Amino acid sequence: MGNYETEEGEGKVTSLGHSSGKGEETFESCQIKGVIFDCYQTLIDIDTDEHRLETYEIVTRWLAYQGVKIKPEKLRDTYMFKVREKMEDSREIYPEVRVEEIFAEICKENSIWRIDEKSLGVETSRVFRAASMKKLRPFPQSIRLIEHCINIPKCIISNGQRVFSELELRFLGLYDYFDFVIFSSDVRYKKPDLRLFMTALKKMNLELEPTCVMSIGDSYENDILPARKLGMRAMRIDEAWEQFGLKD
């Protein structure tokens, strides 16, 4: 497989040249020196529900044993309000919050005995994530795709919360495949902000060779378009599966 050519409008990437056989291509054969992956719905198949009351009922029952007294409805409404408030107060175009800080504030405001709100904010975030989780599993096609670039620098850029997203990657056995992971919560802004991709290029020592880097994700707006603005190559995850003969 040779170079890539972009089809206008759809953001689709097609290959030029021929492969030696379906599923036998590697990123090295594409002259790719670095790969940036999205996380959720690219590497991880996930389904959560942060709006159902049951999620907050589980969290409030757990919080009762941590010295925090709050009703599920109030927890849900306060959490949603604080997220929205912090987003609106941010100067970023694509603002991001840290959920552990929000839960720390809520715990402090509703504590009935002395607590360590910082550490409790972290633990509450993880309980909240577990309570909202309906599905969490890796895409087997994506694991095989990672193996196609095993000798190439690679990273993840995720609109995610490090407080629990890193643990999910570790639990699913994905974290150690990558040289580094950038979460939007780390920097308080999220994709499609170009700075996330610029940081990744710099950390891979490829800021002067963006055409040698491939971005792979499920979102045209967040994963494809910003990468192309920086001169990188980009491909949707389902196209990557098909390109390398991995689509079931």
Protein backbone atom coordinates (compact mmCIF):
# COMPACT_ATOMS: atom_id res chain seq x y z
CA MET A 1 0.00 0.00 0.00
CA GLY A 2 1.35 3.41 -0.91
CA ASN A 3 0.33 6.95 -0.09
CA TYR A 4 -3.14 8.13 0.89
CA GLU A 5 -5.54 10.26 -1.06
CA THR A 6 -8.41 12.19 0.49
CA GLU A 7 -11.89 12.12 -0.99
CA GLU A 8 -13.39 15.58 -0.67
CA GLY A 9 -16.50 16.05 1.44
CA GLU A 10 -16.74 12.69 3.16
CA GLY A 11 -13.39 12.74 4.91
CA LYS A 12 -12.73 9.25 3.65
CA VAL A 13 -9.22 7.93 3.13
CA THR A 14 -8.48 5.48 0.37
CA SER A 15 -5.20 3.78 -0.40
CA LEU A 16 -3.23 3.94 -3.60
CA GLY A 17 -1.30 0.91 -4.73
CA HIS A 18 -1.74 -2.73 -3.82
CA SER A 19 -1.29 -4.84 -0.73
CA SER A 20 0.40 -8.18 -0.56
CA GLY A 21 -2.80 -9.71 0.74
CA LYS A 22 -5.79 -8.87 2.90
CA GLY A 23 -4.77 -8.20 6.47
CA GLU A 24 -1.05 -8.45 5.71
CA GLU A 25 -0.31 -4.74 5.48
CA THR A 26 1.48 -2.90 8.25
CA PHE A 27 1.77 0.78 9.03
CA GLU A 28 5.46 0.56 8.21
CA SER A 29 4.50 -0.27 4.61
CA CYS A 30 2.48 2.97 4.53
CA GLN A 31 5.56 4.98 5.60
CA ILE A 32 3.76 5.93 8.81
CA LYS A 33 6.08 6.90 11.67
CA GLY A 34 3.46 7.52 14.35
CA VAL A 35 -0.18 6.68 15.05
CA ILE A 36 -2.67 8.58 17.21
CA PHE A 37 -5.73 6.66 18.36
CA ASP A 38 -8.96 7.90 19.84
CA CYS A 39 -10.17 5.89 22.83
CA TYR A 40 -13.92 5.42 23.23
CA GLN A 41 -15.80 3.86 20.30
CA THR A 42 -12.41 3.39 18.66
CA LEU A 43 -10.50 1.12 21.02
CA ILE A 44 -13.20 0.64 23.65
CA ASP A 45 -16.86 -0.20 23.08
CA ILE A 46 -18.64 1.61 25.91
CA ASP A 47 -22.14 2.54 26.99
CA THR A 48 -22.86 4.70 30.05
CA ASP A 49 -25.90 6.53 31.38
CA GLU A 50 -25.12 9.57 33.49
CA HIS A 51 -28.71 10.80 33.49
CA ARG A 52 -30.69 7.93 35.00
CA LEU A 53 -31.61 8.40 38.64
CA GLU A 54 -30.49 4.87 39.51
CA THR A 55 -26.88 5.90 38.88
CA TYR A 56 -27.11 8.60 41.55
CA GLU A 57 -29.01 6.35 43.96
CA ILE A 58 -26.06 3.96 43.94
CA VAL A 59 -23.58 6.78 44.50
CA THR A 60 -25.54 8.38 47.35
CA ARG A 61 -25.85 5.04 49.17
CA TRP A 62 -22.07 4.67 48.96
CA LEU A 63 -21.51 8.28 50.03
CA ALA A 64 -23.54 7.69 53.20
CA TYR A 65 -20.65 5.53 54.45
CA GLN A 66 -18.16 8.28 53.60
CA GLY A 67 -19.85 10.98 55.67
CA VAL A 68 -21.80 12.66 52.89
CA LYS A 69 -25.58 13.00 53.08
CA ILE A 70 -27.33 13.95 49.87
CA LYS A 71 -30.42 12.78 48.00
CA PRO A 72 -30.04 11.22 44.53
CA GLU A 73 -32.06 13.95 42.84
CA LYS A 74 -29.97 16.67 44.44
CA LEU A 75 -26.73 14.91 43.56
CA ARG A 76 -27.76 14.60 39.92
CA ASP A 77 -28.97 18.18 39.64
CA THR A 78 -25.96 19.63 41.46
CA TYR A 79 -23.50 17.60 39.43
CA MET A 80 -25.07 18.64 36.12
CA PHE A 81 -25.25 22.28 37.23
CA LYS A 82 -21.61 22.41 38.32
CA VAL A 83 -20.40 20.80 35.10
CA ARG A 84 -22.36 23.30 33.04
CA GLU A 85 -21.20 26.21 35.20
CA LYS A 86 -17.51 25.31 34.89
CA MET A 87 -17.86 24.86 31.15
CA GLU A 88 -19.44 28.29 30.79
CA ASP A 89 -16.84 29.96 33.01
CA SER A 90 -13.92 28.52 31.05
CA ARG A 91 -12.10 30.68 28.52
CA GLU A 92 -11.47 27.66 26.32
CA ILE A 93 -13.35 27.18 23.06
CA TYR A 94 -13.70 23.48 23.83
CA PRO A 95 -13.65 23.42 27.64
CA GLU A 96 -13.20 20.34 29.77
CA VAL A 97 -13.75 19.77 33.48
CA ARG A 98 -12.25 17.41 36.02
CA VAL A 99 -15.07 15.41 37.52
CA GLU A 100 -13.12 14.63 40.69
CA GLU A 101 -13.02 18.34 41.49
CA ILE A 102 -16.76 18.64 41.01
CA PHE A 103 -17.49 15.67 43.25
CA ALA A 104 -15.02 17.03 45.82
CA GLU A 105 -17.03 20.26 45.99
CA ILE A 106 -20.30 18.38 46.34
CA CYS A 107 -18.91 16.14 49.07
CA LYS A 108 -17.56 19.10 51.02
CA GLU A 109 -20.87 20.96 50.79
CA ASN A 110 -22.86 17.95 52.02
CA SER A 111 -20.52 16.33 54.54
CA ILE A 112 -21.84 15.46 57.99
CA TRP A 113 -18.43 14.78 59.49
CA ARG A 114 -14.87 15.74 58.66
CA ILE A 115 -13.75 14.36 55.31
CA ASP A 116 -10.79 14.55 52.95
CA GLU A 117 -12.75 16.05 50.07
CA LYS A 118 -9.91 15.75 47.55
CA SER A 119 -9.44 12.00 47.92
CA LEU A 120 -13.18 11.47 48.32
CA GLY A 121 -13.75 13.37 45.08
CA VAL A 122 -11.47 10.90 43.29
CA GLU A 123 -13.16 7.84 44.76
CA THR A 124 -16.66 9.23 44.17
CA SER A 125 -15.79 9.80 40.51
CA ARG A 126 -14.87 6.14 40.14
CA VAL A 127 -17.98 4.93 41.96
CA PHE A 128 -20.05 7.22 39.74
CA ARG A 129 -18.43 5.79 36.63
CA ALA A 130 -19.04 2.22 37.77
CA ALA A 131 -22.66 3.01 38.63
CA SER A 132 -23.28 4.56 35.21
CA MET A 133 -21.58 1.76 33.27
CA LYS A 134 -23.72 -0.46 31.06
CA LYS A 135 -21.02 -1.85 28.76
CA LEU A 136 -17.22 -1.78 28.71
CA ARG A 137 -15.16 -3.97 26.42
CA PRO A 138 -12.34 -3.61 23.90
CA PHE A 139 -12.96 -3.93 20.19
CA PRO A 140 -11.05 -7.09 19.18
CA GLN A 141 -10.52 -5.61 15.71
CA SER A 142 -8.77 -2.63 17.28
CA ILE A 143 -6.48 -4.82 19.34
CA ARG A 144 -5.41 -6.56 16.15
CA LEU A 145 -5.02 -3.16 14.49
CA ILE A 146 -2.67 -2.04 17.27
CA GLU A 147 -0.57 -5.12 16.57
CA HIS A 148 -0.10 -3.89 12.99
CA CYS A 149 1.82 -0.90 14.37
CA ILE A 150 3.55 -2.61 17.28
CA ASN A 151 6.95 -1.14 16.35
CA ILE A 152 5.69 2.39 15.65
CA PRO A 153 5.32 5.19 18.23
CA LYS A 154 1.67 5.46 19.15
CA CYS A 155 -0.50 7.28 21.60
CA ILE A 156 -4.09 7.95 22.59
CA ILE A 157 -5.82 11.33 22.62
CA SER A 158 -9.11 10.99 24.45
CA ASN A 159 -11.92 13.29 25.49
CA GLY A 160 -11.92 11.47 28.78
CA GLN A 161 -11.31 11.75 32.50
CA ARG A 162 -7.98 10.37 33.64
CA VAL A 163 -9.40 9.68 37.09
CA PHE A 164 -11.25 6.65 35.71
CA SER A 165 -10.40 6.36 32.00
CA GLU A 166 -6.79 5.37 32.66
CA LEU A 167 -8.00 2.59 34.95
CA GLU A 168 -10.38 1.35 32.25
CA LEU A 169 -7.54 1.19 29.73
CA ARG A 170 -5.39 -0.69 32.23
CA PHE A 171 -8.20 -3.08 33.20
CA LEU A 172 -8.82 -3.95 29.54
CA GLY A 173 -5.11 -4.51 28.93
CA LEU A 174 -4.74 -1.62 26.48
CA TYR A 175 -2.74 1.00 28.36
CA ASP A 176 0.70 -0.55 27.98
CA TYR A 177 0.40 -0.76 24.20
CA PHE A 178 0.89 3.00 24.02
CA ASP A 179 3.85 5.30 24.60
CA PHE A 180 1.62 7.88 26.28
CA VAL A 181 -2.02 8.86 26.72
CA ILE A 182 -3.40 12.40 26.70
CA PHE A 183 -6.77 12.91 28.36
CA SER A 184 -8.72 16.12 27.91
CA SER A 185 -9.06 16.37 31.69
CA ASP A 186 -5.25 16.71 31.89
CA VAL A 187 -5.29 20.04 30.07
CA ARG A 188 -8.88 21.25 30.66
CA TYR A 189 -9.72 21.47 26.97
CA LYS A 190 -10.84 18.77 24.58
CA LYS A 191 -10.87 17.70 20.97
CA PRO A 192 -11.15 19.08 18.36
CA ASP A 193 -8.67 21.56 19.90
CA LEU A 194 -5.56 21.39 17.72
CA ARG A 195 -3.25 21.76 20.72
CA LEU A 196 -3.91 18.17 21.76
CA PHE A 197 -2.64 16.90 18.41
CA MET A 198 0.27 19.33 18.42
CA THR A 199 1.29 18.04 21.84
CA ALA A 200 1.14 14.45 20.61
CA LEU A 201 3.29 15.26 17.57
CA LYS A 202 5.87 16.94 19.79
CA LYS A 203 5.98 14.05 22.27
CA MET A 204 6.56 11.65 19.36
CA ASN A 205 9.28 13.96 17.97
CA LEU A 206 7.31 14.20 14.73
CA GLU A 207 6.17 17.83 14.85
CA LEU A 208 8.18 18.48 11.66
CA GLU A 209 6.78 15.39 9.93
CA PRO A 210 2.98 15.52 10.40
CA THR A 211 2.39 13.80 7.05
CA CYS A 212 4.04 10.71 8.53
CA VAL A 213 1.48 10.49 11.34
CA MET A 214 -1.93 8.80 11.12
CA SER A 215 -4.91 9.73 13.30
CA ILE A 216 -7.55 7.03 13.76
CA GLY A 217 -10.92 7.59 15.42
CA ASP A 218 -14.67 7.36 15.13
CA SER A 219 -15.46 11.09 14.92
CA TYR A 220 -14.87 13.19 11.82
CA GLU A 221 -15.09 16.41 13.85
CA ASN A 222 -12.83 15.31 16.70
CA ASP A 223 -10.36 12.88 15.14
CA ILE A 224 -10.22 13.40 11.38
CA LEU A 225 -10.65 17.12 10.72
CA PRO A 226 -8.19 18.52 13.32
CA ALA A 227 -5.52 16.01 12.27
CA ARG A 228 -5.84 17.03 8.64
CA LYS A 229 -5.65 20.70 9.55
CA LEU A 230 -2.17 19.97 10.88
CA GLY A 231 -1.17 18.07 7.76
CA MET A 232 -1.57 14.62 9.26
CA ARG A 233 -3.21 11.64 7.64
CA ALA A 234 -6.49 10.46 9.12
CA MET A 235 -8.81 7.49 8.90
CA ARG A 236 -12.05 6.43 10.53
CA ILE A 237 -11.75 3.36 12.71
CA ASP A 238 -14.13 1.27 10.62
CA GLU A 239 -12.13 2.19 7.51
CA ALA A 240 -8.94 1.13 9.27
CA TRP A 241 -10.48 -2.23 10.18
CA GLU A 242 -11.49 -2.74 6.56
CA GLN A 243 -8.17 -1.51 5.18
CA PHE A 244 -6.26 -4.09 7.20
CA GLY A 245 -8.74 -6.91 6.71
CA LEU A 246 -10.00 -6.83 10.30
CA LYS A 247 -13.68 -5.99 9.86
CA ASP A 248 -15.92 -8.83 11.02
